[in-house]
Amino acid sequence: MSASTYQGFIQQAFVAEQDTVLQKITPLYKDLEKALTEARPGRKSQEEVSFRFERLRLGIGISLMQLLTDLGGDEDSAMVRDLLEDALAAQNVAEIDATIQKKSFLFEELYTDLYVNTEAEEVLALFESTLGASSKEEADSIIASGFELAQNLEFPSQDEDSEE
């Protein structure tokens, strides 16, 4: 897997108006690759790899929640996306966890009373896989699946919304 697949995936998820989010999540894959390359035996090195991996998972999750929101997801998917984006500001894994834990109820609400179509179910399944991913290889697989899915999603158009 490559950083270019990750870039393609996140660019499918976000439009130009969301450039600030793209700026935040664009370097995450390369940051992990760099941490892995520079890793040496020792705790500090492993902490850096873990931190960079968690940030990549956040980037994947943010992108998937954006896709879900664009598919017509309700406010809950946008709130989870925003929470994940807030967690990007953390300086270590413990801070990421603490940020997420403060509003962990949002994850439960995401699945409550959510009208789900087949495409949204696929996005949610990838999101669940992201939450459970524990290796770069798993993340790569999720990114590849997300990229393929994002290229084939049919989003509701503005015209369809205004006809109702």
N, C-alpha and C. Protein backbone atom coordinates (compact mmCIF):
# COMPACT_ATOMS: atom_id res chain seq x y z
N MET A 1 0.86 -1.18 0.00
CA MET A 1 0.00 0.00 0.00
C MET A 1 0.89 1.22 0.00
N SER A 2 0.34 2.30 -0.50
CA SER A 2 1.16 3.50 -0.59
C SER A 2 0.41 4.71 -0.08
N ALA A 3 1.18 5.74 0.14
CA ALA A 3 0.60 7.00 0.56
C ALA A 3 -0.33 7.55 -0.52
N SER A 4 -0.07 7.21 -1.78
CA SER A 4 -0.92 7.73 -2.86
C SER A 4 -2.33 7.16 -2.79
N THR A 5 -2.48 5.92 -2.34
CA THR A 5 -3.82 5.35 -2.17
C THR A 5 -4.55 6.08 -1.05
N TYR A 6 -3.83 6.36 0.03
CA TYR A 6 -4.42 7.13 1.13
C TYR A 6 -4.85 8.51 0.63
N GLN A 7 -3.98 9.17 -0.13
CA GLN A 7 -4.32 10.49 -0.66
C GLN A 7 -5.56 10.43 -1.55
N GLY A 8 -5.61 9.43 -2.40
CA GLY A 8 -6.79 9.27 -3.26
C GLY A 8 -8.05 9.08 -2.44
N PHE A 9 -7.95 8.27 -1.39
CA PHE A 9 -9.10 8.01 -0.53
C PHE A 9 -9.60 9.28 0.14
N ILE A 10 -8.71 10.01 0.78
CA ILE A 10 -9.17 11.21 1.50
C ILE A 10 -9.66 12.29 0.54
N GLN A 11 -9.10 12.36 -0.64
CA GLN A 11 -9.56 13.34 -1.62
C GLN A 11 -10.94 12.97 -2.16
N GLN A 12 -11.27 11.68 -2.19
CA GLN A 12 -12.62 11.27 -2.57
C GLN A 12 -13.62 11.66 -1.48
N ALA A 13 -13.16 11.67 -0.24
CA ALA A 13 -14.07 11.94 0.88
C ALA A 13 -14.35 13.42 1.09
N PHE A 14 -13.42 14.27 0.70
CA PHE A 14 -13.55 15.69 0.99
C PHE A 14 -13.56 16.53 -0.27
N VAL A 15 -14.35 17.60 -0.22
CA VAL A 15 -14.39 18.54 -1.33
C VAL A 15 -13.50 19.74 -0.99
N ALA A 16 -13.25 20.54 -1.98
CA ALA A 16 -12.33 21.67 -1.82
C ALA A 16 -12.69 22.59 -0.66
N GLU A 17 -13.98 22.74 -0.39
CA GLU A 17 -14.40 23.64 0.69
C GLU A 17 -13.90 23.16 2.06
N GLN A 18 -13.53 21.92 2.15
CA GLN A 18 -13.07 21.36 3.41
C GLN A 18 -11.55 21.25 3.44
N ASP A 19 -10.90 22.18 2.83
CA ASP A 19 -9.44 22.14 2.67
C ASP A 19 -8.71 22.10 4.00
N THR A 20 -9.24 22.73 5.04
CA THR A 20 -8.54 22.72 6.33
C THR A 20 -8.48 21.31 6.92
N VAL A 21 -9.54 20.53 6.74
CA VAL A 21 -9.53 19.15 7.23
C VAL A 21 -8.52 18.34 6.41
N LEU A 22 -8.54 18.52 5.10
CA LEU A 22 -7.58 17.82 4.24
C LEU A 22 -6.15 18.14 4.64
N GLN A 23 -5.88 19.39 4.96
CA GLN A 23 -4.52 19.78 5.36
C GLN A 23 -4.10 19.04 6.63
N LYS A 24 -5.06 18.83 7.54
CA LYS A 24 -4.74 18.15 8.79
C LYS A 24 -4.47 16.66 8.58
N ILE A 25 -5.23 16.03 7.69
CA ILE A 25 -5.12 14.57 7.57
C ILE A 25 -4.22 14.11 6.43
N THR A 26 -3.85 15.00 5.53
CA THR A 26 -3.01 14.61 4.40
C THR A 26 -1.68 13.98 4.82
N PRO A 27 -0.94 14.55 5.75
CA PRO A 27 0.39 13.98 6.05
C PRO A 27 0.38 12.74 6.95
N LEU A 28 -0.76 12.28 7.40
CA LEU A 28 -0.80 11.23 8.42
C LEU A 28 -0.17 9.91 7.97
N TYR A 29 -0.40 9.51 6.74
CA TYR A 29 0.18 8.24 6.27
C TYR A 29 1.70 8.33 6.18
N LYS A 30 2.17 9.42 5.60
CA LYS A 30 3.63 9.60 5.49
C LYS A 30 4.28 9.76 6.85
N ASP A 31 3.57 10.37 7.79
CA ASP A 31 4.10 10.49 9.16
C ASP A 31 4.30 9.11 9.78
N LEU A 32 3.35 8.21 9.57
CA LEU A 32 3.49 6.85 10.10
C LEU A 32 4.65 6.14 9.41
N GLU A 33 4.73 6.25 8.10
CA GLU A 33 5.83 5.60 7.38
C GLU A 33 7.19 6.10 7.89
N LYS A 34 7.28 7.40 8.13
CA LYS A 34 8.53 7.98 8.63
C LYS A 34 8.85 7.43 10.03
N ALA A 35 7.85 7.37 10.88
CA ALA A 35 8.07 6.85 12.23
C ALA A 35 8.51 5.39 12.18
N LEU A 36 7.93 4.62 11.28
CA LEU A 36 8.32 3.21 11.15
C LEU A 36 9.75 3.08 10.64
N THR A 37 10.12 3.93 9.71
CA THR A 37 11.48 3.91 9.15
C THR A 37 12.52 4.29 10.19
N GLU A 38 12.18 5.27 11.02
CA GLU A 38 13.12 5.78 12.02
C GLU A 38 13.09 5.00 13.33
N ALA A 39 12.16 4.06 13.44
CA ALA A 39 12.00 3.33 14.70
C ALA A 39 13.25 2.54 15.07
N ARG A 40 13.60 2.63 16.30
CA ARG A 40 14.71 1.88 16.87
C ARG A 40 14.18 1.16 18.10
N PRO A 41 14.82 0.10 18.49
CA PRO A 41 14.36 -0.58 19.70
C PRO A 41 14.35 0.41 20.88
N GLY A 42 13.28 0.40 21.59
CA GLY A 42 13.17 1.29 22.74
C GLY A 42 11.77 1.84 22.87
N ARG A 43 11.45 2.23 24.05
CA ARG A 43 10.08 2.65 24.36
C ARG A 43 9.68 3.93 23.63
N LYS A 44 10.54 4.93 23.61
CA LYS A 44 10.19 6.21 22.99
C LYS A 44 9.86 6.02 21.51
N SER A 45 10.64 5.21 20.84
CA SER A 45 10.42 4.95 19.43
C SER A 45 9.08 4.26 19.21
N GLN A 46 8.75 3.28 20.05
CA GLN A 46 7.48 2.57 19.92
C GLN A 46 6.31 3.50 20.22
N GLU A 47 6.47 4.39 21.18
CA GLU A 47 5.42 5.35 21.49
C GLU A 47 5.13 6.24 20.29
N GLU A 48 6.18 6.65 19.59
CA GLU A 48 6.01 7.49 18.40
C GLU A 48 5.28 6.74 17.29
N VAL A 49 5.65 5.48 17.07
CA VAL A 49 4.97 4.66 16.06
C VAL A 49 3.50 4.49 16.44
N SER A 50 3.23 4.20 17.70
CA SER A 50 1.85 4.03 18.16
C SER A 50 1.05 5.32 17.98
N PHE A 51 1.64 6.44 18.32
CA PHE A 51 0.97 7.73 18.17
C PHE A 51 0.66 8.01 16.70
N ARG A 52 1.62 7.78 15.83
CA ARG A 52 1.40 8.03 14.40
C ARG A 52 0.36 7.08 13.81
N PHE A 53 0.34 5.85 14.30
CA PHE A 53 -0.67 4.90 13.85
C PHE A 53 -2.06 5.35 14.29
N GLU A 54 -2.18 5.78 15.54
CA GLU A 54 -3.48 6.25 16.03
C GLU A 54 -3.96 7.46 15.24
N ARG A 55 -3.04 8.34 14.89
CA ARG A 55 -3.42 9.51 14.08
C ARG A 55 -3.88 9.08 12.69
N LEU A 56 -3.24 8.08 12.10
CA LEU A 56 -3.69 7.58 10.81
C LEU A 56 -5.10 6.99 10.93
N ARG A 57 -5.34 6.23 11.99
CA ARG A 57 -6.70 5.69 12.20
C ARG A 57 -7.71 6.81 12.33
N LEU A 58 -7.33 7.90 12.99
CA LEU A 58 -8.23 9.05 13.08
C LEU A 58 -8.52 9.61 11.69
N GLY A 59 -7.50 9.74 10.87
CA GLY A 59 -7.68 10.26 9.51
C GLY A 59 -8.60 9.38 8.69
N ILE A 60 -8.44 8.07 8.81
CA ILE A 60 -9.32 7.14 8.10
C ILE A 60 -10.75 7.29 8.62
N GLY A 61 -10.90 7.33 9.94
CA GLY A 61 -12.22 7.48 10.54
C GLY A 61 -12.90 8.78 10.16
N ILE A 62 -12.15 9.86 10.16
CA ILE A 62 -12.69 11.17 9.76
C ILE A 62 -13.21 11.09 8.32
N SER A 63 -12.42 10.48 7.45
CA SER A 63 -12.81 10.37 6.04
C SER A 63 -14.06 9.52 5.87
N LEU A 64 -14.13 8.40 6.60
CA LEU A 64 -15.31 7.54 6.51
C LEU A 64 -16.56 8.24 7.06
N MET A 65 -16.41 8.98 8.14
CA MET A 65 -17.55 9.71 8.69
C MET A 65 -18.00 10.82 7.75
N GLN A 66 -17.05 11.41 7.03
CA GLN A 66 -17.42 12.42 6.03
C GLN A 66 -18.22 11.78 4.90
N LEU A 67 -17.78 10.60 4.46
CA LEU A 67 -18.53 9.88 3.43
C LEU A 67 -19.94 9.57 3.91
N LEU A 68 -20.06 9.10 5.15
CA LEU A 68 -21.37 8.78 5.71
C LEU A 68 -22.24 10.02 5.80
N THR A 69 -21.67 11.12 6.23
CA THR A 69 -22.41 12.38 6.32
C THR A 69 -22.90 12.79 4.93
N ASP A 70 -22.03 12.69 3.94
CA ASP A 70 -22.40 13.07 2.58
C ASP A 70 -23.44 12.14 1.97
N LEU A 71 -23.50 10.89 2.45
CA LEU A 71 -24.51 9.95 1.96
C LEU A 71 -25.88 10.24 2.55
N GLY A 72 -25.95 11.22 3.40
CA GLY A 72 -27.23 11.56 4.01
C GLY A 72 -27.29 11.17 5.47
N GLY A 73 -26.13 10.86 6.02
CA GLY A 73 -26.07 10.55 7.44
C GLY A 73 -26.57 11.74 8.25
N ASP A 74 -27.06 11.46 9.42
CA ASP A 74 -27.60 12.53 10.23
C ASP A 74 -26.50 13.28 10.97
N GLU A 75 -26.91 14.10 11.89
CA GLU A 75 -25.98 14.92 12.66
C GLU A 75 -24.98 14.07 13.45
N ASP A 76 -25.37 12.85 13.82
CA ASP A 76 -24.49 12.00 14.61
C ASP A 76 -23.19 11.68 13.88
N SER A 77 -23.26 11.40 12.58
CA SER A 77 -22.04 11.09 11.84
C SER A 77 -21.13 12.31 11.77
N ALA A 78 -21.71 13.49 11.63
CA ALA A 78 -20.91 14.72 11.61
C ALA A 78 -20.28 14.98 12.98
N MET A 79 -21.01 14.65 14.06
CA MET A 79 -20.48 14.86 15.40
C MET A 79 -19.32 13.90 15.69
N VAL A 80 -19.44 12.66 15.22
CA VAL A 80 -18.34 11.71 15.40
C VAL A 80 -17.13 12.18 14.59
N ARG A 81 -17.37 12.63 13.37
CA ARG A 81 -16.28 13.15 12.54
C ARG A 81 -15.58 14.30 13.25
N ASP A 82 -16.35 15.21 13.81
CA ASP A 82 -15.76 16.36 14.51
C ASP A 82 -14.98 15.93 15.75
N LEU A 83 -15.49 14.93 16.47
CA LEU A 83 -14.78 14.41 17.64
C LEU A 83 -13.43 13.82 17.22
N LEU A 84 -13.43 13.04 16.17
CA LEU A 84 -12.18 12.45 15.68
C LEU A 84 -11.21 13.55 15.25
N GLU A 85 -11.75 14.58 14.63
CA GLU A 85 -10.89 15.71 14.23
C GLU A 85 -10.32 16.42 15.45
N ASP A 86 -11.12 16.59 16.49
CA ASP A 86 -10.63 17.19 17.74
C ASP A 86 -9.48 16.37 18.32
N ALA A 87 -9.60 15.04 18.22
CA ALA A 87 -8.57 14.16 18.78
C ALA A 87 -7.24 14.29 18.05
N LEU A 88 -7.25 14.80 16.83
CA LEU A 88 -6.00 15.01 16.09
C LEU A 88 -5.08 16.01 16.78
N ALA A 89 -5.65 16.89 17.60
CA ALA A 89 -4.85 17.90 18.29
C ALA A 89 -4.05 17.32 19.46
N ALA A 90 -4.35 16.09 19.83
CA ALA A 90 -3.66 15.45 20.95
C ALA A 90 -2.18 15.29 20.66
N GLN A 91 -1.39 15.30 21.73
CA GLN A 91 0.06 15.19 21.61
C GLN A 91 0.59 13.79 21.86
N ASN A 92 -0.30 12.87 22.28
CA ASN A 92 0.11 11.49 22.51
C ASN A 92 -1.13 10.60 22.51
N VAL A 93 -0.90 9.30 22.56
CA VAL A 93 -2.00 8.34 22.49
C VAL A 93 -2.96 8.51 23.67
N ALA A 94 -2.42 8.76 24.85
CA ALA A 94 -3.28 8.94 26.03
C ALA A 94 -4.22 10.13 25.85
N GLU A 95 -3.74 11.20 25.26
CA GLU A 95 -4.60 12.37 25.01
C GLU A 95 -5.65 12.06 23.95
N ILE A 96 -5.29 11.28 22.94
CA ILE A 96 -6.28 10.87 21.93
C ILE A 96 -7.38 10.09 22.63
N ASP A 97 -6.98 9.11 23.44
CA ASP A 97 -7.96 8.28 24.15
C ASP A 97 -8.85 9.13 25.06
N ALA A 98 -8.25 10.07 25.77
CA ALA A 98 -9.02 10.92 26.69
C ALA A 98 -10.03 11.77 25.92
N THR A 99 -9.62 12.31 24.79
CA THR A 99 -10.52 13.13 23.96
C THR A 99 -11.70 12.30 23.50
N ILE A 100 -11.43 11.10 23.02
CA ILE A 100 -12.49 10.22 22.53
C ILE A 100 -13.41 9.78 23.67
N GLN A 101 -12.82 9.44 24.82
CA GLN A 101 -13.60 8.96 25.95
C GLN A 101 -14.60 10.00 26.47
N LYS A 102 -14.23 11.27 26.37
CA LYS A 102 -15.12 12.33 26.86
C LYS A 102 -16.47 12.30 26.17
N LYS A 103 -16.47 11.89 24.90
CA LYS A 103 -17.72 11.87 24.14
C LYS A 103 -17.95 10.52 23.48
N SER A 104 -17.58 9.46 24.18
CA SER A 104 -17.71 8.12 23.61
C SER A 104 -19.17 7.75 23.32
N PHE A 105 -20.10 8.40 23.99
CA PHE A 105 -21.52 8.15 23.76
C PHE A 105 -21.91 8.44 22.31
N LEU A 106 -21.15 9.30 21.63
CA LEU A 106 -21.46 9.62 20.23
C LEU A 106 -21.38 8.39 19.34
N PHE A 107 -20.49 7.47 19.67
CA PHE A 107 -20.35 6.26 18.86
C PHE A 107 -21.61 5.40 18.96
N GLU A 108 -22.19 5.32 20.17
CA GLU A 108 -23.43 4.58 20.33
C GLU A 108 -24.57 5.27 19.61
N GLU A 109 -24.63 6.58 19.72
CA GLU A 109 -25.69 7.34 19.05
C GLU A 109 -25.60 7.24 17.54
N LEU A 110 -24.40 7.02 17.03
CA LEU A 110 -24.20 6.88 15.59
C LEU A 110 -25.05 5.74 15.04
N TYR A 111 -25.20 4.68 15.82
CA TYR A 111 -25.93 3.50 15.36
C TYR A 111 -27.40 3.50 15.78
N THR A 112 -27.81 4.47 16.58
CA THR A 112 -29.18 4.52 17.06
C THR A 112 -30.02 5.35 16.10
N ASP A 113 -31.12 4.80 15.69
CA ASP A 113 -32.07 5.49 14.81
C ASP A 113 -31.41 6.01 13.53
N LEU A 114 -30.43 5.30 13.06
CA LEU A 114 -29.76 5.70 11.83
C LEU A 114 -30.39 4.95 10.67
N TYR A 115 -30.92 5.70 9.72
CA TYR A 115 -31.43 5.07 8.51
C TYR A 115 -30.21 4.66 7.71
N VAL A 116 -30.11 3.38 7.44
CA VAL A 116 -28.91 2.87 6.76
C VAL A 116 -29.32 2.22 5.45
N ASN A 117 -28.65 2.63 4.39
CA ASN A 117 -28.79 1.95 3.11
C ASN A 117 -27.55 1.08 2.92
N THR A 118 -27.51 0.36 1.83
CA THR A 118 -26.40 -0.56 1.60
C THR A 118 -25.06 0.15 1.61
N GLU A 119 -24.97 1.30 0.94
CA GLU A 119 -23.70 2.03 0.89
C GLU A 119 -23.29 2.50 2.28
N ALA A 120 -24.24 3.01 3.04
CA ALA A 120 -23.93 3.48 4.39
C ALA A 120 -23.49 2.31 5.27
N GLU A 121 -24.11 1.15 5.09
CA GLU A 121 -23.69 -0.03 5.85
C GLU A 121 -22.24 -0.39 5.55
N GLU A 122 -21.84 -0.27 4.28
CA GLU A 122 -20.46 -0.56 3.91
C GLU A 122 -19.50 0.43 4.56
N VAL A 123 -19.88 1.70 4.58
CA VAL A 123 -19.05 2.72 5.22
C VAL A 123 -18.93 2.43 6.71
N LEU A 124 -20.05 2.11 7.35
CA LEU A 124 -20.02 1.81 8.79
C LEU A 124 -19.19 0.56 9.08
N ALA A 125 -19.25 -0.44 8.21
CA ALA A 125 -18.45 -1.64 8.41
C ALA A 125 -16.96 -1.30 8.34
N LEU A 126 -16.58 -0.44 7.41
CA LEU A 126 -15.18 -0.02 7.32
C LEU A 126 -14.79 0.80 8.54
N PHE A 127 -15.71 1.62 9.03
CA PHE A 127 -15.44 2.42 10.23
C PHE A 127 -15.20 1.49 11.42
N GLU A 128 -16.03 0.46 11.56
CA GLU A 128 -15.83 -0.51 12.65
C GLU A 128 -14.48 -1.20 12.51
N SER A 129 -14.11 -1.53 11.27
CA SER A 129 -12.80 -2.15 11.04
C SER A 129 -11.67 -1.21 11.43
N THR A 130 -11.87 0.08 11.17
CA THR A 130 -10.87 1.09 11.53
C THR A 130 -10.68 1.13 13.04
N LEU A 131 -11.79 1.07 13.77
CA LEU A 131 -11.71 1.11 15.23
C LEU A 131 -10.94 -0.09 15.77
N GLY A 132 -11.02 -1.22 15.09
CA GLY A 132 -10.35 -2.42 15.55
C GLY A 132 -8.98 -2.67 14.95
N ALA A 133 -8.59 -1.85 14.00
CA ALA A 133 -7.30 -2.07 13.32
C ALA A 133 -6.15 -1.94 14.31
N SER A 134 -5.20 -2.87 14.19
CA SER A 134 -4.06 -2.84 15.11
C SER A 134 -2.72 -2.90 14.39
N SER A 135 -2.75 -2.81 13.06
CA SER A 135 -1.48 -2.85 12.31
C SER A 135 -1.59 -1.99 11.06
N LYS A 136 -0.45 -1.61 10.54
CA LYS A 136 -0.41 -0.83 9.31
C LYS A 136 -1.04 -1.63 8.17
N GLU A 137 -0.83 -2.93 8.16
CA GLU A 137 -1.39 -3.78 7.11
C GLU A 137 -2.92 -3.75 7.14
N GLU A 138 -3.49 -3.81 8.33
CA GLU A 138 -4.94 -3.70 8.45
C GLU A 138 -5.42 -2.33 7.98
N ALA A 139 -4.72 -1.28 8.38
CA ALA A 139 -5.07 0.07 7.95
C ALA A 139 -4.98 0.19 6.43
N ASP A 140 -3.93 -0.40 5.85
CA ASP A 140 -3.78 -0.36 4.39
C ASP A 140 -4.96 -1.02 3.69
N SER A 141 -5.41 -2.13 4.22
CA SER A 141 -6.55 -2.84 3.64
C SER A 141 -7.82 -1.99 3.73
N ILE A 142 -8.01 -1.33 4.87
CA ILE A 142 -9.18 -0.47 5.06
C ILE A 142 -9.11 0.73 4.11
N ILE A 143 -7.93 1.31 3.97
CA ILE A 143 -7.76 2.44 3.05
C ILE A 143 -8.09 2.03 1.63
N ALA A 144 -7.57 0.89 1.19
CA ALA A 144 -7.83 0.42 -0.17
C ALA A 144 -9.32 0.17 -0.38
N SER A 145 -9.97 -0.46 0.60
CA SER A 145 -11.41 -0.71 0.50
C SER A 145 -12.19 0.59 0.52
N GLY A 146 -11.77 1.52 1.38
CA GLY A 146 -12.43 2.82 1.45
C GLY A 146 -12.29 3.61 0.17
N PHE A 147 -11.12 3.56 -0.42
CA PHE A 147 -10.87 4.27 -1.68
C PHE A 147 -11.76 3.70 -2.78
N GLU A 148 -11.81 2.38 -2.87
CA GLU A 148 -12.65 1.74 -3.88
C GLU A 148 -14.13 2.07 -3.65
N LEU A 149 -14.56 1.99 -2.41
CA LEU A 149 -15.94 2.29 -2.07
C LEU A 149 -16.28 3.74 -2.40
N ALA A 150 -15.40 4.66 -2.00
CA ALA A 150 -15.65 6.09 -2.23
C ALA A 150 -15.80 6.41 -3.71
N GLN A 151 -15.05 5.71 -4.55
CA GLN A 151 -15.14 5.96 -5.98
C GLN A 151 -16.47 5.50 -6.57
N ASN A 152 -17.15 4.60 -5.88
CA ASN A 152 -18.39 4.02 -6.41
C ASN A 152 -19.65 4.49 -5.71
N LEU A 153 -19.51 5.35 -4.72
CA LEU A 153 -20.69 5.83 -3.98
C LEU A 153 -21.51 6.79 -4.84
N GLU A 154 -22.80 6.70 -4.66
CA GLU A 154 -23.71 7.64 -5.32
C GLU A 154 -24.31 8.52 -4.24
N PHE A 155 -23.90 9.77 -4.25
CA PHE A 155 -24.35 10.71 -3.23
C PHE A 155 -25.64 11.37 -3.69
N PRO A 156 -26.53 11.69 -2.74
CA PRO A 156 -27.74 12.43 -3.11
C PRO A 156 -27.33 13.78 -3.68
N SER A 157 -27.95 14.16 -4.76
CA SER A 157 -27.61 15.45 -5.38
C SER A 157 -28.48 16.54 -4.80
N GLN A 158 -28.04 17.76 -4.98
CA GLN A 158 -28.81 18.92 -4.53
C GLN A 158 -30.15 18.97 -5.24
N ASP A 159 -30.19 18.59 -6.51
CA ASP A 159 -31.44 18.61 -7.28
C ASP A 159 -32.48 17.68 -6.67
N GLU A 160 -32.05 16.47 -6.26
CA GLU A 160 -32.97 15.53 -5.65
C GLU A 160 -33.54 16.10 -4.35
N ASP A 161 -32.71 16.77 -3.58
CA ASP A 161 -33.16 17.35 -2.32
C ASP A 161 -34.19 18.45 -2.55
N SER A 162 -33.99 19.27 -3.57
CA SER A 162 -34.88 20.40 -3.78
C SER A 162 -36.21 19.97 -4.39
N GLU A 163 -36.30 18.78 -5.01
CA GLU A 163 -37.54 18.31 -5.60
C GLU A 163 -38.51 17.83 -4.54
N GLU A 164 -38.04 17.51 -3.38
CA GLU A 164 -38.90 16.95 -2.32
C GLU A 164 -39.70 17.99 -1.66
